Amino acid sequence: MLALFLILWIILNGRVTLELVLLGIPIAAAVFLFAHFAFGYSVRNEVRIIRYTPLALWYLVTLVVEIFKASLHVMGIIINPAARPDPVLIEFDSGLPSTFQNVVLANSITLTPGTVTVEMKGDHFLVHCLIPEYAEGISESSFVKLLRRMNQ
């Protein structure tokens, strides 16, 4: 983060000189210390973020793929006059320990066409599904598995 502050300093100044770099180092350090004390920023969190970045990117790719697949399936239900929605409400526990992970899961479920997170209390979810097949295996979905891997 200290390096990012220094790079930002150089970019905002518009040129690179020895004087600007030498002046930028203590300024970047001061901003870094401010972030540490005012916002609780820590290097340990930064290392953790860097460590989980590839997994988070994979999660985003998985989310986009699942949204695309579910969109096609919901379009099939809409277009086919014989297909009838059979809505169902299901409850399940995700087993995810952090509120952040549960909120990400709840939003991922809602973003996926055909499913809506109606309620989330801790790791307990109430989800509305357009058809019962959408409810099958939701507690062990790829979303849940990837979020569990972020705890390890």
C-alpha atoms as a PDB file:
ATOM      1  CA  MET A   1       0.000   0.000   0.000  1.00  0.00           C
ATOM      2  CA  LEU A   2       2.895   2.312   0.746  1.00  0.00           C
ATOM      3  CA  ALA A   3       4.165   1.796  -2.806  1.00  0.00           C
ATOM      4  CA  LEU A   4       0.695   2.540  -4.202  1.00  0.00           C
ATOM      5  CA  PHE A   5       0.571   5.819  -2.270  1.00  0.00           C
ATOM      6  CA  LEU A   6       3.977   6.764  -3.639  1.00  0.00           C
ATOM      7  CA  ILE A   7       2.924   5.889  -7.200  1.00  0.00           C
ATOM      8  CA  LEU A   8      -0.249   7.936  -6.742  1.00  0.00           C
ATOM      9  CA  TRP A   9       1.884  10.873  -5.533  1.00  0.00           C
ATOM     10  CA  ILE A  10       4.059  10.650  -8.642  1.00  0.00           C
ATOM     11  CA  ILE A  11       1.050  10.370 -10.964  1.00  0.00           C
ATOM     12  CA  LEU A  12      -0.659  13.376  -9.382  1.00  0.00           C
ATOM     13  CA  ASN A  13       2.503  15.444  -9.773  1.00  0.00           C
ATOM     14  CA  GLY A  14       2.776  14.560 -13.438  1.00  0.00           C
ATOM     15  CA  ARG A  15       6.534  14.113 -13.585  1.00  0.00           C
ATOM     16  CA  VAL A  16       9.274  12.050 -11.993  1.00  0.00           C
ATOM     17  CA  THR A  17      12.217  13.828 -10.427  1.00  0.00           C
ATOM     18  CA  LEU A  18      14.505  12.876  -7.570  1.00  0.00           C
ATOM     19  CA  GLU A  19      13.128  15.752  -5.525  1.00  0.00           C
ATOM     20  CA  LEU A  20       9.494  14.614  -5.979  1.00  0.00           C
ATOM     21  CA  VAL A  21      10.333  11.004  -5.152  1.00  0.00           C
ATOM     22  CA  LEU A  22      12.280  11.984  -2.015  1.00  0.00           C
ATOM     23  CA  LEU A  23       9.446  14.276  -0.918  1.00  0.00           C
ATOM     24  CA  GLY A  24       6.842  11.663  -1.836  1.00  0.00           C
ATOM     25  CA  ILE A  25       8.297   8.938   0.395  1.00  0.00           C
ATOM     26  CA  PRO A  26       7.533  10.656   3.728  1.00  0.00           C
ATOM     27  CA  ILE A  27       4.188  11.898   2.427  1.00  0.00           C
ATOM     28  CA  ALA A  28       3.209   8.377   1.326  1.00  0.00           C
ATOM     29  CA  ALA A  29       4.386   7.059   4.710  1.00  0.00           C
ATOM     30  CA  ALA A  30       2.259   9.664   6.513  1.00  0.00           C
ATOM     31  CA  VAL A  31      -0.833   8.711   4.489  1.00  0.00           C
ATOM     32  CA  PHE A  32      -0.089   5.045   5.173  1.00  0.00           C
ATOM     33  CA  LEU A  33       0.129   5.680   8.924  1.00  0.00           C
ATOM     34  CA  PHE A  34      -3.066   7.721   8.806  1.00  0.00           C
ATOM     35  CA  ALA A  35      -4.844   4.822   7.066  1.00  0.00           C
ATOM     36  CA  HIS A  36      -3.474   2.433   9.677  1.00  0.00           C
ATOM     37  CA  PHE A  37      -4.595   4.428  12.706  1.00  0.00           C
ATOM     38  CA  ALA A  38      -7.789   6.030  11.385  1.00  0.00           C
ATOM     39  CA  PHE A  39      -9.219   3.094   9.431  1.00  0.00           C
ATOM     40  CA  GLY A  40      -7.616   0.088  11.089  1.00  0.00           C
ATOM     41  CA  TYR A  41      -5.658  -0.811   7.968  1.00  0.00           C
ATOM     42  CA  SER A  42      -3.047  -3.532   8.473  1.00  0.00           C
ATOM     43  CA  VAL A  43      -0.411  -5.190   6.346  1.00  0.00           C
ATOM     44  CA  ARG A  44      -1.804  -8.594   7.373  1.00  0.00           C
ATOM     45  CA  ASN A  45      -5.119  -7.717   5.702  1.00  0.00           C
ATOM     46  CA  GLU A  46      -3.262  -6.590   2.597  1.00  0.00           C
ATOM     47  CA  VAL A  47      -1.383  -9.898   2.388  1.00  0.00           C
ATOM     48  CA  ARG A  48      -4.662 -11.751   2.851  1.00  0.00           C
ATOM     49  CA  ILE A  49      -6.308  -9.738   0.066  1.00  0.00           C
ATOM     50  CA  ILE A  50      -3.419 -10.432  -2.291  1.00  0.00           C
ATOM     51  CA  ARG A  51      -3.531 -14.134  -1.396  1.00  0.00           C
ATOM     52  CA  TYR A  52      -7.252 -14.428  -2.158  1.00  0.00           C
ATOM     53  CA  THR A  53      -7.320 -12.255  -5.299  1.00  0.00           C
ATOM     54  CA  PRO A  54      -7.054 -15.213  -7.756  1.00  0.00           C
ATOM     55  CA  LEU A  55      -9.860 -17.038  -5.918  1.00  0.00           C
ATOM     56  CA  ALA A  56     -12.022 -13.887  -5.932  1.00  0.00           C
ATOM     57  CA  LEU A  57     -11.458 -13.473  -9.675  1.00  0.00           C
ATOM     58  CA  TRP A  58     -12.412 -17.122 -10.183  1.00  0.00           C
ATOM     59  CA  TYR A  59     -15.544 -16.469  -8.109  1.00  0.00           C
ATOM     60  CA  LEU A  60     -16.482 -13.574 -10.412  1.00  0.00           C
ATOM     61  CA  VAL A  61     -15.961 -15.745 -13.495  1.00  0.00           C
ATOM     62  CA  THR A  62     -18.108 -18.484 -11.952  1.00  0.00           C
ATOM     63  CA  LEU A  63     -20.802 -15.927 -11.094  1.00  0.00           C
ATOM     64  CA  VAL A  64     -20.921 -14.604 -14.665  1.00  0.00           C
ATOM     65  CA  VAL A  65     -21.094 -18.145 -16.098  1.00  0.00           C
ATOM     66  CA  GLU A  66     -23.893 -19.126 -13.688  1.00  0.00           C
ATOM     67  CA  ILE A  67     -25.830 -15.937 -14.490  1.00  0.00           C
ATOM     68  CA  PHE A  68     -25.522 -16.685 -18.207  1.00  0.00           C
ATOM     69  CA  LYS A  69     -26.622 -20.341 -17.801  1.00  0.00           C
ATOM     70  CA  ALA A  70     -29.546 -19.400 -15.562  1.00  0.00           C
ATOM     71  CA  SER A  71     -30.594 -16.640 -17.972  1.00  0.00           C
ATOM     72  CA  LEU A  72     -30.820 -19.140 -20.812  1.00  0.00           C
ATOM     73  CA  HIS A  73     -32.827 -21.541 -18.662  1.00  0.00           C
ATOM     74  CA  VAL A  74     -35.258 -18.839 -17.494  1.00  0.00           C
ATOM     75  CA  MET A  75     -35.666 -17.647 -21.105  1.00  0.00           C
ATOM     76  CA  GLY A  76     -36.585 -21.230 -22.025  1.00  0.00           C
ATOM     77  CA  ILE A  77     -39.280 -21.228 -19.353  1.00  0.00           C
ATOM     78  CA  ILE A  78     -40.613 -17.882 -20.583  1.00  0.00           C
ATOM     79  CA  ILE A  79     -40.633 -18.825 -24.273  1.00  0.00           C
ATOM     80  CA  ASN A  80     -42.076 -22.323 -23.860  1.00  0.00           C
ATOM     81  CA  PRO A  81     -45.865 -22.025 -23.398  1.00  0.00           C
ATOM     82  CA  ALA A  82     -46.018 -25.531 -21.877  1.00  0.00           C
ATOM     83  CA  ALA A  83     -43.484 -24.712 -19.159  1.00  0.00           C
ATOM     84  CA  ARG A  84     -45.085 -23.434 -15.990  1.00  0.00           C
ATOM     85  CA  PRO A  85     -43.186 -21.867 -13.124  1.00  0.00           C
ATOM     86  CA  ASP A  86     -43.620 -23.793  -9.890  1.00  0.00           C
ATOM     87  CA  PRO A  87     -42.190 -21.415  -7.267  1.00  0.00           C
ATOM     88  CA  VAL A  88     -40.762 -22.861  -4.092  1.00  0.00           C
ATOM     89  CA  LEU A  89     -39.204 -21.397  -0.942  1.00  0.00           C
ATOM     90  CA  ILE A  90     -36.261 -23.284   0.531  1.00  0.00           C
ATOM     91  CA  GLU A  91     -34.242 -22.837   3.686  1.00  0.00           C
ATOM     92  CA  PHE A  92     -30.630 -23.845   4.161  1.00  0.00           C
ATOM     93  CA  ASP A  93     -27.555 -23.090   6.223  1.00  0.00           C
ATOM     94  CA  SER A  94     -24.442 -22.077   4.317  1.00  0.00           C
ATOM     95  CA  GLY A  95     -21.980 -22.908   7.083  1.00  0.00           C
ATOM     96  CA  LEU A  96     -19.953 -19.816   6.184  1.00  0.00           C
ATOM     97  CA  PRO A  97     -18.505 -18.129   9.280  1.00  0.00           C
ATOM     98  CA  SER A  98     -18.268 -14.480   8.218  1.00  0.00           C
ATOM     99  CA  THR A  99     -21.060 -12.027   7.562  1.00  0.00           C
ATOM    100  CA  PHE A 100     -19.199 -10.752   4.491  1.00  0.00           C
ATOM    101  CA  GLN A 101     -19.167 -14.214   2.890  1.00  0.00           C
ATOM    102  CA  ASN A 102     -22.856 -14.750   3.647  1.00  0.00           C
ATOM    103  CA  VAL A 103     -23.749 -11.375   2.129  1.00  0.00           C
ATOM    104  CA  VAL A 104     -21.712 -12.201  -0.999  1.00  0.00           C
ATOM    105  CA  LEU A 105     -23.564 -15.529  -1.250  1.00  0.00           C
ATOM    106  CA  ALA A 106     -26.958 -13.860  -0.755  1.00  0.00           C
ATOM    107  CA  ASN A 107     -26.214 -11.295  -3.474  1.00  0.00           C
ATOM    108  CA  SER A 108     -24.883 -13.979  -5.826  1.00  0.00           C
ATOM    109  CA  ILE A 109     -28.086 -15.986  -5.400  1.00  0.00           C
ATOM    110  CA  THR A 110     -30.199 -12.900  -6.077  1.00  0.00           C
ATOM    111  CA  LEU A 111     -28.133 -11.934  -9.139  1.00  0.00           C
ATOM    112  CA  THR A 112     -28.702 -15.381 -10.644  1.00  0.00           C
ATOM    113  CA  PRO A 113     -31.979 -15.351 -12.616  1.00  0.00           C
ATOM    114  CA  GLY A 114     -34.698 -17.566 -11.192  1.00  0.00           C
ATOM    115  CA  THR A 115     -33.588 -17.253  -7.568  1.00  0.00           C
ATOM    116  CA  VAL A 116     -33.997 -14.511  -4.974  1.00  0.00           C
ATOM    117  CA  THR A 117     -32.648 -14.403  -1.438  1.00  0.00           C
ATOM    118  CA  VAL A 118     -35.687 -13.489   0.629  1.00  0.00           C
ATOM    119  CA  GLU A 119     -34.020 -13.515   4.035  1.00  0.00           C
ATOM    120  CA  MET A 120     -30.590 -14.038   5.536  1.00  0.00           C
ATOM    121  CA  LYS A 121     -29.977 -14.413   9.258  1.00  0.00           C
ATOM    122  CA  GLY A 122     -26.384 -15.279  10.044  1.00  0.00           C
ATOM    123  CA  ASP A 123     -25.679 -18.269   7.827  1.00  0.00           C
ATOM    124  CA  HIS A 124     -29.373 -19.244   7.503  1.00  0.00           C
ATOM    125  CA  PHE A 125     -30.990 -18.433   4.154  1.00  0.00           C
ATOM    126  CA  LEU A 126     -34.536 -18.351   2.825  1.00  0.00           C
ATOM    127  CA  VAL A 127     -34.460 -18.449  -0.970  1.00  0.00           C
ATOM    128  CA  HIS A 128     -37.292 -18.186  -3.508  1.00  0.00           C
ATOM    129  CA  CYS A 129     -36.742 -20.380  -6.571  1.00  0.00           C
ATOM    130  CA  LEU A 130     -38.739 -20.131  -9.792  1.00  0.00           C
ATOM    131  CA  ILE A 131     -38.839 -23.919 -10.179  1.00  0.00           C
ATOM    132  CA  PRO A 132     -37.917 -26.706  -7.693  1.00  0.00           C
ATOM    133  CA  GLU A 133     -34.877 -27.768  -9.773  1.00  0.00           C
ATOM    134  CA  TYR A 134     -33.172 -24.474  -8.903  1.00  0.00           C
ATOM    135  CA  ALA A 135     -33.363 -25.411  -5.223  1.00  0.00           C
ATOM    136  CA  GLU A 136     -31.525 -28.719  -5.685  1.00  0.00           C
ATOM    137  CA  GLY A 137     -28.016 -28.572  -4.281  1.00  0.00           C
ATOM    138  CA  ILE A 138     -28.127 -24.850  -3.529  1.00  0.00           C
ATOM    139  CA  SER A 139     -26.466 -25.388  -0.140  1.00  0.00           C
ATOM    140  CA  GLU A 140     -23.499 -27.055  -1.893  1.00  0.00           C
ATOM    141  CA  SER A 141     -23.393 -24.819  -4.962  1.00  0.00           C
ATOM    142  CA  SER A 142     -20.174 -23.677  -6.597  1.00  0.00           C
ATOM    143  CA  PHE A 143     -20.658 -20.319  -4.866  1.00  0.00           C
ATOM    144  CA  VAL A 144     -20.643 -21.905  -1.414  1.00  0.00           C
ATOM    145  CA  LYS A 145     -17.645 -24.109  -2.226  1.00  0.00           C
ATOM    146  CA  LEU A 146     -15.562 -21.171  -3.469  1.00  0.00           C
ATOM    147  CA  LEU A 147     -16.481 -19.019  -0.476  1.00  0.00           C
ATOM    148  CA  ARG A 148     -15.498 -21.867   1.880  1.00  0.00           C
ATOM    149  CA  ARG A 149     -12.110 -22.081   0.183  1.00  0.00           C
ATOM    150  CA  MET A 150     -11.528 -18.425   1.099  1.00  0.00           C
ATOM    151  CA  ASN A 151     -11.511 -19.403   4.790  1.00  0.00           C
ATOM    152  CA  GLN A 152      -8.645 -21.844   4.491  1.00  0.00           C
END
